[in-house]
């Protein structure tokens, strides 16, 4: 089934993690029908394996026999994790911007709870430090 991207572009909106509304601009994409995109999912190997995604979907009460749905959810989860990691990196860079280093050595960043916690808070995930 092909979906008319122009009709989607005029009617689709989504809420971002901070609550603002963002219009989906599907008309600016390459014009691929949804069926072509879904067919390309078969050749893509996501970072999160399909059996793990299926297990989490099953534990959440969502059952499907369609492997393309599992793959699509896997890609969405991968994007979500990537966004959180990128936000944590930005927090780390901002925190380290005030510190001056001597020498011209490579700057390496370490993911710490101090950086991860505010990034997760932006997405509504509260983390409590274990004692």
C-alpha atoms as a PDB file:
ATOM      1  CA  UNK A   1       0.000   0.000   0.000  1.00  0.00           C
ATOM      2  CA  UNK A   2       1.448   3.362  -1.007  1.00  0.00           C
ATOM      3  CA  UNK A   3       0.757   6.410   1.095  1.00  0.00           C
ATOM      4  CA  UNK A   4       0.513   9.776  -0.563  1.00  0.00           C
ATOM      5  CA  UNK A   5       3.359  11.748   1.013  1.00  0.00           C
ATOM      6  CA  UNK A   6       1.790  15.105   0.204  1.00  0.00           C
ATOM      7  CA  UNK A   7      -1.366  14.297   2.145  1.00  0.00           C
ATOM      8  CA  UNK A   8       0.783  13.154   5.057  1.00  0.00           C
ATOM      9  CA  UNK A   9       2.868  16.318   4.930  1.00  0.00           C
ATOM     10  CA  UNK A  10      -0.173  18.531   5.276  1.00  0.00           C
ATOM     11  CA  UNK A  11      -1.805  16.630   8.115  1.00  0.00           C
ATOM     12  CA  UNK A  12       0.965  15.031  10.178  1.00  0.00           C
ATOM     13  CA  UNK A  13       2.480  16.586  13.272  1.00  0.00           C
ATOM     14  CA  UNK A  14       4.308  15.046  16.165  1.00  0.00           C
ATOM     15  CA  UNK A  15       5.310  16.175  19.607  1.00  0.00           C
ATOM     16  CA  UNK A  16       9.006  16.322  20.353  1.00  0.00           C
ATOM     17  CA  UNK A  17      10.487  15.243  23.675  1.00  0.00           C
ATOM     18  CA  UNK A  18      10.335  18.766  25.074  1.00  0.00           C
ATOM     19  CA  UNK A  19       6.669  19.267  24.175  1.00  0.00           C
ATOM     20  CA  UNK A  20       6.906  21.537  21.157  1.00  0.00           C
ATOM     21  CA  UNK A  21       5.011  20.634  18.019  1.00  0.00           C
ATOM     22  CA  UNK A  22       6.987  19.860  14.896  1.00  0.00           C
ATOM     23  CA  UNK A  23       5.386  19.459  11.484  1.00  0.00           C
ATOM     24  CA  UNK A  24       6.567  16.464   9.556  1.00  0.00           C
ATOM     25  CA  UNK A  25       7.738  17.588   6.187  1.00  0.00           C
ATOM     26  CA  UNK A  26       7.474  14.419   4.170  1.00  0.00           C
ATOM     27  CA  UNK A  27       7.176  16.348   0.936  1.00  0.00           C
ATOM     28  CA  UNK A  28      10.843  17.365   1.293  1.00  0.00           C
ATOM     29  CA  UNK A  29      11.988  13.740   1.281  1.00  0.00           C
ATOM     30  CA  UNK A  30      13.202  11.958  -1.803  1.00  0.00           C
ATOM     31  CA  UNK A  31       9.653  10.962  -2.673  1.00  0.00           C
ATOM     32  CA  UNK A  32      10.053   7.275  -1.904  1.00  0.00           C
ATOM     33  CA  UNK A  33       6.814   5.500  -1.148  1.00  0.00           C
ATOM     34  CA  UNK A  34       6.497   3.915   2.263  1.00  0.00           C
ATOM     35  CA  UNK A  35       6.540   0.446   0.731  1.00  0.00           C
ATOM     36  CA  UNK A  36      10.038   1.053  -0.696  1.00  0.00           C
ATOM     37  CA  UNK A  37      11.292   2.185   2.692  1.00  0.00           C
ATOM     38  CA  UNK A  38       9.846  -0.857   4.421  1.00  0.00           C
ATOM     39  CA  UNK A  39      11.354  -3.173   1.814  1.00  0.00           C
ATOM     40  CA  UNK A  40      14.796  -1.647   2.483  1.00  0.00           C
ATOM     41  CA  UNK A  41      14.448  -2.615   6.140  1.00  0.00           C
ATOM     42  CA  UNK A  42      15.016  -6.259   5.204  1.00  0.00           C
ATOM     43  CA  UNK A  43      18.602  -5.595   4.109  1.00  0.00           C
ATOM     44  CA  UNK A  44      19.475  -3.404   7.103  1.00  0.00           C
ATOM     45  CA  UNK A  45      21.041  -4.964  10.185  1.00  0.00           C
ATOM     46  CA  UNK A  46      20.093  -2.857  13.200  1.00  0.00           C
ATOM     47  CA  UNK A  47      22.291  -2.423  16.254  1.00  0.00           C
ATOM     48  CA  UNK A  48      19.621  -3.913  18.502  1.00  0.00           C
ATOM     49  CA  UNK A  49      18.972  -7.495  17.323  1.00  0.00           C
ATOM     50  CA  UNK A  50      15.441  -8.455  16.298  1.00  0.00           C
ATOM     51  CA  UNK A  51      15.055 -11.223  18.939  1.00  0.00           C
ATOM     52  CA  UNK A  52      15.791  -8.733  21.716  1.00  0.00           C
ATOM     53  CA  UNK A  53      13.285  -6.242  20.311  1.00  0.00           C
ATOM     54  CA  UNK A  54      10.704  -9.028  19.948  1.00  0.00           C
ATOM     55  CA  UNK A  55      11.258 -10.063  23.567  1.00  0.00           C
ATOM     56  CA  UNK A  56      10.760  -6.509  24.841  1.00  0.00           C
ATOM     57  CA  UNK A  57       7.698  -6.094  22.628  1.00  0.00           C
ATOM     58  CA  UNK A  58       6.273  -9.347  23.990  1.00  0.00           C
ATOM     59  CA  UNK A  59       6.927  -8.299  27.605  1.00  0.00           C
ATOM     60  CA  UNK A  60       5.143  -5.001  26.891  1.00  0.00           C
ATOM     61  CA  UNK A  61       2.139  -6.889  25.523  1.00  0.00           C
ATOM     62  CA  UNK A  62       2.670  -6.141  21.840  1.00  0.00           C
ATOM     63  CA  UNK A  63       2.571  -9.200  19.602  1.00  0.00           C
ATOM     64  CA  UNK A  64       3.264  -9.258  15.886  1.00  0.00           C
ATOM     65  CA  UNK A  65       4.343 -11.855  13.375  1.00  0.00           C
ATOM     66  CA  UNK A  66       5.550  -9.229  10.896  1.00  0.00           C
ATOM     67  CA  UNK A  67       9.368  -8.984  10.963  1.00  0.00           C
ATOM     68  CA  UNK A  68       9.225  -5.567   9.269  1.00  0.00           C
ATOM     69  CA  UNK A  69       7.352  -4.119  12.256  1.00  0.00           C
ATOM     70  CA  UNK A  70       9.984  -5.540  14.600  1.00  0.00           C
ATOM     71  CA  UNK A  71      12.753  -4.082  12.433  1.00  0.00           C
ATOM     72  CA  UNK A  72      11.042  -0.668  12.317  1.00  0.00           C
ATOM     73  CA  UNK A  73      10.715  -0.592  16.107  1.00  0.00           C
ATOM     74  CA  UNK A  74      14.354  -1.670  16.386  1.00  0.00           C
ATOM     75  CA  UNK A  75      15.444   1.257  14.225  1.00  0.00           C
ATOM     76  CA  UNK A  76      13.280   3.659  16.256  1.00  0.00           C
ATOM     77  CA  UNK A  77      14.849   2.382  19.493  1.00  0.00           C
ATOM     78  CA  UNK A  78      18.318   2.734  17.986  1.00  0.00           C
ATOM     79  CA  UNK A  79      17.542   6.353  17.050  1.00  0.00           C
ATOM     80  CA  UNK A  80      16.226   7.047  20.561  1.00  0.00           C
ATOM     81  CA  UNK A  81      19.381   5.655  22.191  1.00  0.00           C
ATOM     82  CA  UNK A  82      21.548   7.564  19.723  1.00  0.00           C
ATOM     83  CA  UNK A  83      19.774  10.833  20.538  1.00  0.00           C
ATOM     84  CA  UNK A  84      20.283  10.286  24.271  1.00  0.00           C
ATOM     85  CA  UNK A  85      23.978   9.472  23.787  1.00  0.00           C
ATOM     86  CA  UNK A  86      24.439  12.558  21.613  1.00  0.00           C
ATOM     87  CA  UNK A  87      22.721  14.772  24.202  1.00  0.00           C
ATOM     88  CA  UNK A  88      24.951  13.301  26.933  1.00  0.00           C
ATOM     89  CA  UNK A  89      28.008  14.076  24.795  1.00  0.00           C
ATOM     90  CA  UNK A  90      26.852  17.676  24.420  1.00  0.00           C
ATOM     91  CA  UNK A  91      26.436  17.935  28.212  1.00  0.00           C
ATOM     92  CA  UNK A  92      29.954  16.553  28.640  1.00  0.00           C
ATOM     93  CA  UNK A  93      31.379  19.070  26.163  1.00  0.00           C
ATOM     94  CA  UNK A  94      29.585  21.986  27.845  1.00  0.00           C
ATOM     95  CA  UNK A  95      30.766  20.873  31.275  1.00  0.00           C
ATOM     96  CA  UNK A  96      34.344  20.577  30.023  1.00  0.00           C
ATOM     97  CA  UNK A  97      34.294  23.849  28.074  1.00  0.00           C
ATOM     98  CA  UNK A  98      35.294  25.848  31.142  1.00  0.00           C
ATOM     99  CA  UNK A  99      38.284  23.664  31.884  1.00  0.00           C
ATOM    100  CA  UNK A 100      41.523  24.470  30.141  1.00  0.00           C
ATOM    101  CA  UNK A 101      43.969  21.712  29.269  1.00  0.00           C
ATOM    102  CA  UNK A 102      47.660  22.033  28.769  1.00  0.00           C
ATOM    103  CA  UNK A 103      49.187  20.559  25.646  1.00  0.00           C
ATOM    104  CA  UNK A 104      47.671  19.534  22.358  1.00  0.00           C
ATOM    105  CA  UNK A 105      46.623  16.025  23.290  1.00  0.00           C
ATOM    106  CA  UNK A 106      43.497  14.385  21.913  1.00  0.00           C
ATOM    107  CA  UNK A 107      40.339  15.153  23.806  1.00  0.00           C
ATOM    108  CA  UNK A 108      38.573  11.972  24.828  1.00  0.00           C
ATOM    109  CA  UNK A 109      35.173  11.968  26.399  1.00  0.00           C
ATOM    110  CA  UNK A 110      33.930   9.514  29.004  1.00  0.00           C
ATOM    111  CA  UNK A 111      30.215   8.868  29.476  1.00  0.00           C
ATOM    112  CA  UNK A 112      29.435   9.479  33.134  1.00  0.00           C
ATOM    113  CA  UNK A 113      26.234   9.565  35.154  1.00  0.00           C
ATOM    114  CA  UNK A 114      26.828  13.287  35.580  1.00  0.00           C
ATOM    115  CA  UNK A 115      26.365  13.745  31.823  1.00  0.00           C
ATOM    116  CA  UNK A 116      23.830  10.989  31.208  1.00  0.00           C
ATOM    117  CA  UNK A 117      21.369  12.017  33.913  1.00  0.00           C
ATOM    118  CA  UNK A 118      20.442  15.454  32.446  1.00  0.00           C
ATOM    119  CA  UNK A 119      20.221  13.963  28.954  1.00  0.00           C
ATOM    120  CA  UNK A 120      17.775  11.336  30.183  1.00  0.00           C
ATOM    121  CA  UNK A 121      15.811  13.961  32.126  1.00  0.00           C
ATOM    122  CA  UNK A 122      15.147  15.782  28.836  1.00  0.00           C
ATOM    123  CA  UNK A 123      13.297  12.664  27.662  1.00  0.00           C
ATOM    124  CA  UNK A 124      11.351  12.235  30.904  1.00  0.00           C
ATOM    125  CA  UNK A 125      13.492   9.405  32.284  1.00  0.00           C
ATOM    126  CA  UNK A 126      14.431   9.837  35.943  1.00  0.00           C
ATOM    127  CA  UNK A 127      17.558   8.058  37.138  1.00  0.00           C
ATOM    128  CA  UNK A 128      18.310   7.571  40.801  1.00  0.00           C
ATOM    129  CA  UNK A 129      21.838   6.772  41.808  1.00  0.00           C
ATOM    130  CA  UNK A 130      22.125   3.392  43.540  1.00  0.00           C
ATOM    131  CA  UNK A 131      23.760   3.308  46.944  1.00  0.00           C
END
